Amino acid sequence: MKVLIEISEENIEKIRHANQGIFINLYDIMATAINNGTPLPKGYGRLIDADALYENADICHSDEGGSACVEWRDINHAPTIIEADNAENEENEQWIGGK
């Protein structure tokens, strides 16, 4: 299982310096981060910053009004934040013109 966690910069520094004799309760820091984390579902796709794509999106018009349009190549070339769980997503990447 992969879990996305958030740890404060202060706690990151405590963890980094724990082996230098600074007394901290690493278990509490890590347990809290994991308990508050977001489990990533098995087979998740490549995680990108969708908001960054939206900033450069074109406005497309249809009968129901305007909507934001992003081209496949922009999605394919968007910087990856977290790599996909490739075991189940290779087929999806090929469908959208990926690898």
C-alpha atoms as a PDB file:
ATOM      1  CA  MET A   1       0.000   0.000   0.000  1.00  0.00           C
ATOM      2  CA  LYS A   2       1.179   3.522  -0.783  1.00  0.00           C
ATOM      3  CA  VAL A   3       0.047   6.407   1.406  1.00  0.00           C
ATOM      4  CA  LEU A   4       0.523  10.092   0.680  1.00  0.00           C
ATOM      5  CA  ILE A   5       1.443  11.812   3.955  1.00  0.00           C
ATOM      6  CA  GLU A   6       2.082  15.362   5.052  1.00  0.00           C
ATOM      7  CA  ILE A   7       4.781  16.104   7.604  1.00  0.00           C
ATOM      8  CA  SER A   8       5.643  19.593   8.802  1.00  0.00           C
ATOM      9  CA  GLU A   9       9.087  21.004   8.030  1.00  0.00           C
ATOM     10  CA  GLU A  10       9.701  21.159  11.778  1.00  0.00           C
ATOM     11  CA  ASN A  11       9.075  17.417  12.130  1.00  0.00           C
ATOM     12  CA  ILE A  12      11.189  16.660   9.060  1.00  0.00           C
ATOM     13  CA  GLU A  13      14.090  18.459  10.767  1.00  0.00           C
ATOM     14  CA  LYS A  14      13.465  16.530  13.999  1.00  0.00           C
ATOM     15  CA  ILE A  15      13.547  13.252  12.072  1.00  0.00           C
ATOM     16  CA  ARG A  16      16.728  14.236  10.223  1.00  0.00           C
ATOM     17  CA  HIS A  17      18.504  15.073  13.468  1.00  0.00           C
ATOM     18  CA  ALA A  18      17.138  12.192  15.546  1.00  0.00           C
ATOM     19  CA  ASN A  19      20.300  10.146  15.048  1.00  0.00           C
ATOM     20  CA  GLN A  20      22.342  13.060  16.399  1.00  0.00           C
ATOM     21  CA  GLY A  21      21.014  12.634  19.916  1.00  0.00           C
ATOM     22  CA  ILE A  22      17.977  14.935  19.805  1.00  0.00           C
ATOM     23  CA  PHE A  23      15.232  13.234  21.818  1.00  0.00           C
ATOM     24  CA  ILE A  24      11.956  13.043  19.934  1.00  0.00           C
ATOM     25  CA  ASN A  25       9.182  10.533  19.688  1.00  0.00           C
ATOM     26  CA  LEU A  26       9.512   9.406  16.072  1.00  0.00           C
ATOM     27  CA  TYR A  27       6.742   6.885  16.485  1.00  0.00           C
ATOM     28  CA  ASP A  28       4.169   9.581  17.356  1.00  0.00           C
ATOM     29  CA  ILE A  29       5.227  11.795  14.435  1.00  0.00           C
ATOM     30  CA  MET A  30       5.086   8.967  11.909  1.00  0.00           C
ATOM     31  CA  ALA A  31       1.896   7.397  13.310  1.00  0.00           C
ATOM     32  CA  THR A  32       0.103  10.750  13.140  1.00  0.00           C
ATOM     33  CA  ALA A  33       1.294  11.356   9.573  1.00  0.00           C
ATOM     34  CA  ILE A  34       0.182   7.884   8.444  1.00  0.00           C
ATOM     35  CA  ASN A  35      -3.181   8.098  10.238  1.00  0.00           C
ATOM     36  CA  ASN A  36      -3.858  11.449   8.552  1.00  0.00           C
ATOM     37  CA  GLY A  37      -2.503  10.266   5.195  1.00  0.00           C
ATOM     38  CA  THR A  38      -4.355   9.551   1.966  1.00  0.00           C
ATOM     39  CA  PRO A  39      -4.147   5.944   0.754  1.00  0.00           C
ATOM     40  CA  LEU A  40      -3.487   5.730  -2.982  1.00  0.00           C
ATOM     41  CA  PRO A  41      -5.731   3.142  -4.640  1.00  0.00           C
ATOM     42  CA  LYS A  42      -4.095   0.122  -6.253  1.00  0.00           C
ATOM     43  CA  GLY A  43      -3.446   0.794  -9.915  1.00  0.00           C
ATOM     44  CA  TYR A  44      -3.585   4.603  -9.612  1.00  0.00           C
ATOM     45  CA  GLY A  45      -2.410   6.625 -12.589  1.00  0.00           C
ATOM     46  CA  ARG A  46       0.395   9.147 -12.863  1.00  0.00           C
ATOM     47  CA  LEU A  47      -0.329  12.050 -10.524  1.00  0.00           C
ATOM     48  CA  ILE A  48       0.116  15.501 -12.056  1.00  0.00           C
ATOM     49  CA  ASP A  49      -0.756  19.078 -11.100  1.00  0.00           C
ATOM     50  CA  ALA A  50      -4.088  19.474 -12.885  1.00  0.00           C
ATOM     51  CA  ASP A  51      -4.384  23.092 -11.720  1.00  0.00           C
ATOM     52  CA  ALA A  52      -1.241  23.959 -13.676  1.00  0.00           C
ATOM     53  CA  LEU A  53      -2.829  22.484 -16.820  1.00  0.00           C
ATOM     54  CA  TYR A  54      -6.004  24.472 -16.239  1.00  0.00           C
ATOM     55  CA  GLU A  55      -4.037  27.743 -16.158  1.00  0.00           C
ATOM     56  CA  ASN A  56      -3.005  27.167 -19.785  1.00  0.00           C
ATOM     57  CA  ALA A  57      -6.238  25.580 -20.977  1.00  0.00           C
ATOM     58  CA  ASP A  58      -8.178  26.904 -23.949  1.00  0.00           C
ATOM     59  CA  ILE A  59     -11.822  27.848 -23.613  1.00  0.00           C
ATOM     60  CA  CYS A  60     -13.975  25.566 -25.716  1.00  0.00           C
ATOM     61  CA  HIS A  61     -17.541  26.408 -26.603  1.00  0.00           C
ATOM     62  CA  SER A  62     -20.428  24.010 -26.910  1.00  0.00           C
ATOM     63  CA  ASP A  63     -24.210  24.146 -26.764  1.00  0.00           C
ATOM     64  CA  GLU A  64     -24.057  24.007 -22.960  1.00  0.00           C
ATOM     65  CA  GLY A  65     -21.635  26.934 -22.637  1.00  0.00           C
ATOM     66  CA  GLY A  66     -17.903  27.204 -22.231  1.00  0.00           C
ATOM     67  CA  SER A  67     -15.548  24.689 -20.712  1.00  0.00           C
ATOM     68  CA  ALA A  68     -11.801  24.340 -20.337  1.00  0.00           C
ATOM     69  CA  CYS A  69     -10.059  22.159 -22.924  1.00  0.00           C
ATOM     70  CA  VAL A  70      -6.620  20.637 -22.496  1.00  0.00           C
ATOM     71  CA  GLU A  71      -4.912  18.740 -25.288  1.00  0.00           C
ATOM     72  CA  TRP A  72      -3.712  15.167 -24.731  1.00  0.00           C
ATOM     73  CA  ARG A  73      -0.128  16.163 -25.470  1.00  0.00           C
ATOM     74  CA  ASP A  74      -0.271  18.746 -22.673  1.00  0.00           C
ATOM     75  CA  ILE A  75      -1.462  16.061 -20.257  1.00  0.00           C
ATOM     76  CA  ASN A  76       1.162  13.602 -21.495  1.00  0.00           C
ATOM     77  CA  HIS A  77       3.949  16.157 -21.069  1.00  0.00           C
ATOM     78  CA  ALA A  78       2.803  17.543 -17.714  1.00  0.00           C
ATOM     79  CA  PRO A  79       5.444  17.089 -14.997  1.00  0.00           C
ATOM     80  CA  THR A  80       4.827  13.977 -12.929  1.00  0.00           C
ATOM     81  CA  ILE A  81       4.488  14.489  -9.184  1.00  0.00           C
ATOM     82  CA  ILE A  82       4.134  10.787  -8.309  1.00  0.00           C
ATOM     83  CA  GLU A  83       4.756   7.972 -10.799  1.00  0.00           C
ATOM     84  CA  ALA A  84       1.869   5.658 -11.679  1.00  0.00           C
ATOM     85  CA  ASP A  85       1.380   2.226 -10.188  1.00  0.00           C
ATOM     86  CA  ASN A  86       2.394   0.781 -13.570  1.00  0.00           C
ATOM     87  CA  ALA A  87       1.226  -2.752 -12.929  1.00  0.00           C
ATOM     88  CA  GLU A  88      -2.336  -1.856 -13.885  1.00  0.00           C
ATOM     89  CA  ASN A  89      -1.993   1.388 -15.855  1.00  0.00           C
ATOM     90  CA  GLU A  90       0.168   0.576 -18.872  1.00  0.00           C
ATOM     91  CA  GLU A  91      -2.946  -0.019 -20.973  1.00  0.00           C
ATOM     92  CA  ASN A  92      -4.393   3.402 -20.016  1.00  0.00           C
ATOM     93  CA  GLU A  93      -1.130   5.209 -20.842  1.00  0.00           C
ATOM     94  CA  GLN A  94      -1.092   3.641 -24.305  1.00  0.00           C
ATOM     95  CA  TRP A  95      -4.696   4.718 -24.907  1.00  0.00           C
ATOM     96  CA  ILE A  96      -3.914   8.379 -24.287  1.00  0.00           C
ATOM     97  CA  GLY A  97      -0.721   8.307 -26.291  1.00  0.00           C
ATOM     98  CA  GLY A  98       1.668   7.836 -23.391  1.00  0.00           C
ATOM     99  CA  LYS A  99       4.825   5.746 -23.327  1.00  0.00           C
END
